Protein backbone atom coordinates (compact mmCIF):
# COMPACT_ATOMS: atom_id res chain seq x y z
CA MET A 1 101.01 43.08 -53.10
CA LYS A 2 102.90 44.43 -50.11
CA GLU A 3 106.76 45.54 -50.77
CA PHE A 4 109.10 47.42 -48.51
CA VAL A 5 109.71 50.59 -49.54
CA GLY A 6 112.51 51.75 -46.69
CA TYR A 7 112.05 53.38 -42.96
CA CYS A 8 110.67 56.29 -41.55
CA ALA A 9 113.12 59.11 -40.87
CA ALA A 10 111.84 60.25 -37.77
CA CYS A 11 110.34 56.96 -35.97
CA GLU A 12 112.13 53.84 -38.24
CA ALA A 13 108.60 52.38 -38.68
CA GLU A 14 108.80 50.23 -41.87
CA ILE A 15 107.19 51.82 -44.96
CA HIS A 16 105.41 49.56 -47.54
CA CYS A 17 104.09 50.16 -50.74
CA ARG A 18 100.22 48.11 -51.00
CA ASP A 19 99.14 47.36 -54.43
CA GLY A 20 101.00 50.38 -55.66
CA PHE A 21 100.07 53.01 -53.00
CA LEU A 22 102.98 54.38 -50.90
CA ASP A 23 102.07 53.99 -47.16
CA GLY A 24 103.73 57.40 -46.24
CA ILE A 25 104.56 60.80 -47.39
CA ILE A 26 107.67 61.72 -49.56
CA ALA A 27 108.94 64.79 -48.16
CA ASP A 28 110.12 68.12 -50.38
CA ASP A 29 114.12 66.84 -49.57
CA LYS A 30 113.33 63.58 -50.31
CA THR A 31 113.28 62.53 -46.96
CA LEU A 32 110.44 59.03 -45.90
CA PHE A 33 108.32 59.66 -43.16
CA CYS A 34 105.34 57.16 -42.15
CA PHE A 35 102.05 58.74 -42.16
CA GLN A 36 101.77 59.80 -38.08
CA CYS A 37 105.28 61.35 -38.30
CA GLY A 38 104.48 63.05 -41.86
CA LYS A 39 101.30 65.25 -39.96
CA ASN A 40 103.59 66.21 -37.16
CA LYS A 41 105.86 67.58 -40.06
């Protein structure tokens, strides 16, 4: 199952939840990032 969660705060890529796992990173300030942008933070 794939469910849309939101957009990356840096590059605006779509972020989804796949089978209960988030395809991104939530920062300490609750900002949502994709894995690529999250590695750079």
